[in-house]
Amino acid sequence: MIPLFKPYMPQNIVTGVEEILYSGQLAYGKWGRKLEEELIKYLGNANVLATNSHSAALHVAFSTLGVVAGDEVIMSPMCCLQSTQPLVARGAKIVWADIDPATGTLDPDSVKSKITQKTKAIFHNQHMGFVGYIEEINAIAKNAGIYTIDDCVDGMGGIYKGKKVGNVGSDATVISFHAVRLPNAIEGGAVSFNNSGHFQNAKIIRDQGIDRSQFRDTRGEISEDYDVITAGYPALPNDLSSYLAFKQMKDLDKLFEIQHNNVKKWKQFIETENIPARQIDIVPESQPNNWVFGMLTDKKNEMIDYFRAIGYYASGVHLNNNRYSLFGDKTKLKGVDEFYSRFVALPSGWWCTL
């Protein structure tokens, strides 16, 4: 059966891996910096930092923007626990907003209605790589004097109004390089900022609150004159993971093009075979990365069984997180319920043959 997700790894990478393993330099170094250079070019944003996970990127972003325990963060429950658990762990209060059931992404009107004096940020999940209403959400945040963080956990390569997500005007963007993402570092991530001041602060937060330019004296010893004044995380990526992701960067456009073509084939198949389903709506002037082919159907379970029977692992993927007791608020959201009851993802990645 063709899987819904699959890790990518380029050919002829073993020699470089072996060199790193025996180099004596495994921590953040040459390849971490090279990966960041490639990410800066790819996203078109100079304010990009690589991290050792998506969760680390999330924590760096929220700490940089001053989101602390007790602050309210508005987000969609139609997302992965990888996006919601870290927020609860840091003591933030998640406030669920509804989604547009046709796109699976945050509904701007619902977001606007959820803002209170305690709201500090909107965490804007790009569900399954489908770009949301970025301009509308960012305008709401700006008018309210709060931040927007784009959650690109599935969405590397998404495009909005001609720019890559990660450089579309949001205050920050967190990206995952987990095993089934592109690029895949086995585990890794990145965070980008719209503001260079935030970027400079994040560099220190990412490295345990340390400014490396002042941390050591002329002998290379930790300076007795340096004072650590910033709380931070051990969030630097290691050089092996960075190398794996770096080597995939040159392949991204080719891999995404395969995914885009696979989506065209799925749309044709559904039409030709009279499948009782349709592709989810795409937000105007956006291009999803097509990590999956997302469709809506009134026969969800039947469609999952049908596509699995013909050799494609179909799935609803995520449960809406507002059903979990951990998050406290189990508010019923009409758009979320409608979308969840109808959404099915089909494999459309670079490994698929249709």
Protein backbone atom coordinates (compact mmCIF):
# COMPACT_ATOMS: atom_id res chain seq x y z
CA MET A 1 0.00 0.00 0.00
CA ILE A 2 1.26 3.47 -0.84
CA PRO A 3 1.76 5.27 2.50
CA LEU A 4 0.33 8.65 3.39
CA PHE A 5 3.74 9.87 4.59
CA LYS A 6 7.30 8.78 3.85
CA PRO A 7 10.75 10.12 4.83
CA TYR A 8 12.85 11.47 1.96
CA MET A 9 16.59 10.95 1.78
CA PRO A 10 18.78 11.93 -1.19
CA GLN A 11 21.18 9.53 -2.86
CA ASN A 12 24.93 9.44 -2.15
CA ILE A 13 24.66 10.94 1.31
CA VAL A 14 26.38 8.19 3.33
CA THR A 15 29.96 9.39 2.77
CA GLY A 16 29.14 12.84 4.14
CA VAL A 17 27.36 11.32 7.13
CA GLU A 18 30.38 9.17 7.94
CA GLU A 19 32.72 12.16 7.70
CA ILE A 20 30.62 14.07 10.23
CA LEU A 21 30.31 11.12 12.60
CA TYR A 22 34.09 10.82 12.88
CA SER A 23 34.94 14.51 12.58
CA GLY A 24 34.76 15.24 16.29
CA GLN A 25 32.36 18.10 15.50
CA LEU A 26 28.80 16.90 16.01
CA ALA A 27 27.20 19.92 17.67
CA TYR A 28 25.97 23.06 15.88
CA GLY A 29 28.67 24.21 13.50
CA LYS A 30 29.47 24.35 9.79
CA TRP A 31 26.42 22.42 8.58
CA GLY A 32 24.03 24.22 10.89
CA ARG A 33 25.19 27.52 9.45
CA LYS A 34 25.04 26.19 5.89
CA LEU A 35 21.47 25.00 6.44
CA GLU A 36 20.49 28.44 7.73
CA GLU A 37 22.05 30.06 4.64
CA GLU A 38 19.96 27.82 2.40
CA LEU A 39 16.79 28.49 4.40
CA ILE A 40 17.40 32.24 4.16
CA LYS A 41 17.69 31.99 0.37
CA TYR A 42 14.73 29.65 0.02
CA LEU A 43 12.33 31.66 2.19
CA GLY A 44 13.62 35.04 1.07
CA ASN A 45 13.96 36.12 4.70
CA ALA A 46 17.28 36.97 6.38
CA ASN A 47 15.89 36.38 9.89
CA VAL A 48 15.91 32.56 10.02
CA LEU A 49 17.31 30.26 12.72
CA ALA A 50 17.55 26.47 12.59
CA THR A 51 16.56 24.54 15.73
CA ASN A 52 16.71 20.95 16.96
CA SER A 53 12.91 20.46 16.73
CA HIS A 54 9.62 22.10 15.86
CA SER A 55 8.85 22.31 19.59
CA ALA A 56 12.12 24.13 20.20
CA ALA A 57 11.30 26.56 17.40
CA LEU A 58 7.90 27.14 18.98
CA HIS A 59 9.39 27.84 22.42
CA VAL A 60 12.03 30.17 20.97
CA ALA A 61 9.35 32.10 19.06
CA PHE A 62 7.00 32.46 22.02
CA SER A 63 9.79 33.40 24.44
CA THR A 64 11.10 35.99 21.97
CA LEU A 65 7.65 37.54 21.65
CA GLY A 66 7.14 37.51 25.42
CA VAL A 67 4.33 34.96 25.67
CA VAL A 68 4.33 33.80 29.30
CA ALA A 69 2.27 31.53 31.54
CA GLY A 70 -1.32 32.75 31.77
CA ASP A 71 -1.31 34.55 28.42
CA GLU A 72 -4.06 33.55 26.02
CA VAL A 73 -3.13 32.18 22.60
CA ILE A 74 -5.85 31.80 19.96
CA MET A 75 -5.55 28.82 17.62
CA SER A 76 -7.42 26.17 15.69
CA PRO A 77 -8.02 22.79 17.35
CA MET A 78 -7.70 21.16 13.92
CA CYS A 79 -3.98 20.49 14.24
CA CYS A 80 -1.34 18.13 15.56
CA LEU A 81 -0.59 17.66 19.26
CA GLN A 82 2.95 18.63 18.31
CA SER A 83 1.61 22.18 18.03
CA THR A 84 -0.63 22.29 21.11
CA GLN A 85 1.24 20.32 23.79
CA PRO A 86 4.21 22.72 24.05
CA LEU A 87 1.85 25.64 24.67
CA VAL A 88 0.19 23.89 27.59
CA ALA A 89 3.59 22.81 28.93
CA ARG A 90 4.72 26.45 29.06
CA GLY A 91 1.54 27.48 30.90
CA ALA A 92 -0.18 29.41 28.12
CA LYS A 93 -3.96 29.22 27.89
CA ILE A 94 -5.20 27.99 24.52
CA VAL A 95 -8.38 29.63 23.28
CA TRP A 96 -9.98 27.67 20.45
CA ALA A 97 -11.25 29.53 17.40
CA ASP A 98 -13.37 28.02 14.67
CA ILE A 99 -12.22 27.20 11.16
CA ASP A 100 -13.56 27.64 7.66
CA PRO A 101 -14.95 24.14 6.96
CA ALA A 102 -14.14 24.51 3.28
CA THR A 103 -10.41 25.16 3.79
CA GLY A 104 -9.63 23.65 7.21
CA THR A 105 -7.87 26.85 8.30
CA LEU A 106 -8.67 29.54 10.87
CA ASP A 107 -11.81 31.59 10.32
CA PRO A 108 -10.84 35.27 10.69
CA ASP A 109 -14.26 36.28 12.06
CA SER A 110 -14.07 33.62 14.76
CA VAL A 111 -10.53 34.69 15.67
CA LYS A 112 -11.63 38.30 16.01
CA SER A 113 -14.44 37.30 18.40
CA LYS A 114 -12.03 35.44 20.70
CA ILE A 115 -9.68 38.32 21.46
CA THR A 116 -9.63 39.55 25.07
CA GLN A 117 -7.35 41.74 27.16
CA LYS A 118 -5.35 38.60 28.00
CA THR A 119 -4.73 37.62 24.37
CA LYS A 120 -1.03 37.77 23.48
CA ALA A 121 -0.87 35.94 20.16
CA ILE A 122 -2.64 34.06 17.38
CA PHE A 123 -0.99 30.75 16.55
CA HIS A 124 -1.99 30.28 12.92
CA ASN A 125 -1.75 26.61 11.92
CA GLN A 126 -1.33 25.89 8.21
CA HIS A 127 -3.37 22.68 8.45
CA MET A 128 -1.73 19.79 6.55
CA GLY A 129 0.27 22.29 4.50
CA PHE A 130 -2.77 24.28 3.32
CA VAL A 131 -2.10 27.99 3.61
CA GLY A 132 -4.61 29.94 5.68
CA TYR A 133 -6.09 33.44 5.52
CA ILE A 134 -2.75 35.03 6.38
CA GLU A 135 -3.46 38.63 5.40
CA GLU A 136 -6.77 38.73 7.27
CA ILE A 137 -5.37 37.09 10.43
CA ASN A 138 -2.32 39.38 10.44
CA ALA A 139 -4.54 42.45 10.07
CA ILE A 140 -6.66 41.35 13.03
CA ALA A 141 -3.53 40.85 15.13
CA LYS A 142 -2.09 44.23 14.17
CA ASN A 143 -5.31 46.05 14.99
CA ALA A 144 -5.47 44.32 18.38
CA GLY A 145 -1.79 44.93 19.18
CA ILE A 146 -0.98 41.21 19.44
CA TYR A 147 1.34 38.85 17.60
CA THR A 148 0.77 36.28 14.86
CA ILE A 149 2.90 33.14 14.69
CA ASP A 150 2.38 30.97 11.60
CA ASP A 151 2.54 27.29 12.53
CA CYS A 152 4.19 25.70 9.52
CA VAL A 153 4.51 22.27 11.12
CA ASP A 154 3.33 20.63 7.87
CA GLY A 155 3.74 23.55 5.53
CA MET A 156 7.32 24.13 4.36
CA GLY A 157 7.10 25.27 0.73
CA GLY A 158 3.65 26.82 0.97
CA ILE A 159 3.24 30.08 -0.95
CA TYR A 160 1.02 33.06 -0.20
CA LYS A 161 0.71 36.00 -2.60
CA GLY A 162 3.96 35.09 -4.31
CA LYS A 163 6.03 34.64 -1.14
CA LYS A 164 7.02 31.56 0.81
CA VAL A 165 5.31 31.01 4.15
CA GLY A 166 8.01 32.13 6.57
CA ASN A 167 8.26 35.48 4.80
CA VAL A 168 4.66 36.70 4.50
CA GLY A 169 4.56 39.43 7.14
CA SER A 170 3.63 37.36 10.19
CA ASP A 171 5.65 38.16 13.32
CA ALA A 172 7.15 34.67 13.41
CA THR A 173 6.88 31.31 11.66
CA VAL A 174 7.79 27.93 13.13
CA ILE A 175 8.66 25.08 10.77
CA SER A 176 9.15 21.35 11.31
CA PHE A 177 11.88 19.20 9.73
CA HIS A 178 10.55 16.03 11.36
CA ALA A 179 11.13 12.70 9.61
CA VAL A 180 8.19 12.91 7.18
CA ARG A 181 8.52 16.62 6.37
CA LEU A 182 10.55 18.34 3.67
CA PRO A 183 13.36 18.81 4.28
CA ASN A 184 13.69 16.02 6.84
CA ALA A 185 16.45 16.29 9.43
CA ILE A 186 15.13 13.16 11.18
CA GLU A 187 14.28 15.75 13.84
CA GLY A 188 14.69 19.48 13.48
CA GLY A 189 13.00 22.76 12.78
CA ALA A 190 13.39 26.46 12.12
CA VAL A 191 11.95 29.76 13.20
CA SER A 192 11.80 32.94 11.12
CA PHE A 193 10.96 36.47 12.20
CA ASN A 194 9.59 39.54 10.47
CA ASN A 195 11.60 41.82 12.77
CA SER A 196 15.42 41.81 12.91
CA GLY A 197 15.38 42.81 16.59
CA HIS A 198 13.31 39.74 17.42
CA PHE A 199 15.74 37.66 15.37
CA GLN A 200 18.76 38.91 17.32
CA ASN A 201 17.05 38.21 20.65
CA ALA A 202 16.03 34.75 19.45
CA LYS A 203 19.65 33.86 18.66
CA ILE A 204 20.44 34.25 22.35
CA ILE A 205 17.28 32.48 23.53
CA ARG A 206 18.01 29.55 21.21
CA ASP A 207 21.47 29.11 22.80
CA GLN A 208 20.65 28.87 26.53
CA GLY A 209 20.52 32.66 26.95
CA ILE A 210 24.14 33.05 25.85
CA ASP A 211 25.67 35.69 23.58
CA ARG A 212 28.60 33.72 22.16
CA SER A 213 30.46 36.86 21.06
CA GLN A 214 30.99 37.77 24.74
CA PHE A 215 30.75 34.43 26.55
CA ARG A 216 34.47 33.50 26.44
CA ASP A 217 37.63 35.46 27.24
CA THR A 218 40.83 35.70 25.19
CA ARG A 219 41.99 32.32 26.53
CA GLY A 220 38.80 30.63 25.41
CA GLU A 221 37.61 30.25 28.99
CA ILE A 222 34.10 31.23 30.10
CA SER A 223 34.40 34.89 30.96
CA GLU A 224 33.94 35.83 34.61
CA ASP A 225 32.76 39.22 33.41
CA TYR A 226 29.87 37.83 31.33
CA ASP A 227 26.45 37.81 32.99
CA VAL A 228 23.66 35.53 31.78
CA ILE A 229 20.48 37.60 32.00
CA THR A 230 18.19 35.83 29.50
CA ALA A 231 16.31 32.55 29.96
CA GLY A 232 16.81 30.28 26.99
CA TYR A 233 16.78 26.75 25.63
CA PRO A 234 19.35 24.22 24.37
CA ALA A 235 17.72 24.50 20.95
CA LEU A 236 20.65 24.52 18.55
CA PRO A 237 20.54 21.84 15.83
CA ASN A 238 23.32 19.27 15.65
CA ASP A 239 25.51 19.15 12.56
CA LEU A 240 24.44 15.68 11.44
CA SER A 241 20.74 16.59 11.30
CA SER A 242 21.62 19.93 9.70
CA TYR A 243 23.66 18.16 7.02
CA LEU A 244 20.78 15.82 6.17
CA ALA A 245 18.38 18.76 5.80
CA PHE A 246 20.93 20.85 3.90
CA LYS A 247 21.46 18.13 1.30
CA GLN A 248 17.72 18.03 0.62
CA MET A 249 17.26 21.77 0.09
CA LYS A 250 18.34 21.59 -3.57
CA ASP A 251 15.71 18.92 -4.20
CA LEU A 252 12.73 20.75 -2.70
CA ASP A 253 11.39 22.42 -5.83
CA LYS A 254 11.59 19.14 -7.76
CA LEU A 255 9.82 17.22 -5.00
CA PHE A 256 7.11 19.85 -4.57
CA GLU A 257 6.50 19.85 -8.34
CA ILE A 258 5.86 16.08 -8.19
CA GLN A 259 3.38 16.67 -5.37
CA HIS A 260 1.59 19.41 -7.31
CA ASN A 261 1.28 17.11 -10.33
CA ASN A 262 -0.04 14.29 -8.15
CA VAL A 263 -2.80 16.56 -6.89
CA LYS A 264 -3.84 17.30 -10.47
CA LYS A 265 -4.02 13.55 -11.10
CA TRP A 266 -6.16 12.98 -8.00
CA LYS A 267 -8.58 15.69 -9.08
CA GLN A 268 -8.88 14.09 -12.50
CA PHE A 269 -9.35 10.62 -10.96
CA ILE A 270 -12.14 11.82 -8.66
CA GLU A 271 -13.94 13.45 -11.58
CA THR A 272 -13.46 10.56 -14.01
CA GLU A 273 -14.47 7.86 -11.51
CA ASN A 274 -17.40 9.88 -10.13
CA ILE A 275 -16.00 9.69 -6.59
CA PRO A 276 -18.41 11.40 -4.13
CA ALA A 277 -15.78 13.89 -2.94
CA ARG A 278 -14.06 17.12 -3.92
CA GLN A 279 -10.77 18.83 -3.18
CA ILE A 280 -10.87 21.19 -0.23
CA ASP A 281 -10.95 24.88 -1.13
CA ILE A 282 -7.61 26.64 -1.51
CA VAL A 283 -7.30 30.11 0.06
CA PRO A 284 -7.12 32.70 -2.78
CA GLU A 285 -3.61 33.57 -4.01
CA SER A 286 -2.07 30.66 -2.13
CA GLN A 287 -0.31 27.45 -3.12
CA PRO A 288 -0.22 24.59 -0.60
CA ASN A 289 2.83 22.33 -0.57
CA ASN A 290 0.48 19.40 -1.34
CA TRP A 291 2.05 17.21 1.34
CA VAL A 292 -1.29 15.41 1.05
CA PHE A 293 -4.28 15.65 -1.25
CA GLY A 294 -7.06 16.95 0.97
CA MET A 295 -10.65 16.23 0.05
CA LEU A 296 -14.11 16.63 1.53
CA THR A 297 -16.77 13.94 1.37
CA ASP A 298 -20.06 13.07 3.02
CA LYS A 299 -18.93 9.42 3.07
CA LYS A 300 -15.71 9.70 5.06
CA ASN A 301 -15.36 6.15 6.36
CA GLU A 302 -16.48 4.64 3.06
CA MET A 303 -13.89 6.73 1.19
CA ILE A 304 -11.10 5.75 3.60
CA ASP A 305 -11.96 2.08 3.09
CA TYR A 306 -12.30 2.49 -0.68
CA PHE A 307 -8.91 4.13 -1.23
CA ARG A 308 -7.16 1.70 1.08
CA ALA A 309 -8.71 -1.17 -0.88
CA ILE A 310 -7.18 0.15 -4.12
CA GLY A 311 -3.78 0.59 -2.50
CA TYR A 312 -3.61 4.13 -1.09
CA TYR A 313 -3.48 4.75 2.65
CA ALA A 314 -6.28 7.28 3.18
CA SER A 315 -6.80 8.87 6.60
CA GLY A 316 -8.52 11.64 8.50
CA VAL A 317 -5.08 12.22 10.13
CA HIS A 318 -5.75 14.60 13.04
CA LEU A 319 -8.43 14.62 15.72
CA ASN A 320 -9.61 18.08 16.68
CA ASN A 321 -7.74 18.89 19.89
CA ASN A 322 -10.70 20.58 21.61
CA ARG A 323 -11.98 17.09 22.47
CA TYR A 324 -9.04 16.48 24.88
CA SER A 325 -9.51 17.21 28.60
CA LEU A 326 -5.93 18.47 28.89
CA PHE A 327 -6.83 21.73 27.18
CA GLY A 328 -9.82 22.46 29.41
CA ASP A 329 -12.05 24.17 26.89
CA LYS A 330 -14.22 21.65 25.02
CA THR A 331 -16.27 24.31 23.29
CA LYS A 332 -18.19 22.94 20.31
CA LEU A 333 -17.15 24.64 17.08
CA LYS A 334 -19.45 24.22 14.10
CA GLY A 335 -16.80 24.64 11.40
CA VAL A 336 -14.39 22.25 13.12
CA ASP A 337 -17.06 19.57 13.51
CA GLU A 338 -18.16 19.88 9.90
CA PHE A 339 -14.61 19.78 8.57
CA TYR A 340 -13.53 16.83 10.72
CA SER A 341 -16.58 14.81 9.71
CA ARG A 342 -15.78 15.27 6.01
CA PHE A 343 -11.99 15.54 5.62
CA VAL A 344 -9.89 12.74 4.13
CA ALA A 345 -6.21 12.95 3.18
CA LEU A 346 -4.79 10.89 0.32
CA PRO A 347 -1.09 10.30 -0.42
CA SER A 348 0.25 12.85 -2.91
CA GLY A 349 3.91 13.01 -1.90
CA TRP A 350 6.98 12.61 -4.11
CA TRP A 351 6.87 8.80 -3.60
CA CYS A 352 3.40 8.37 -5.10
CA THR A 353 2.68 6.86 -8.47
CA LEU A 354 -0.86 7.56 -9.66
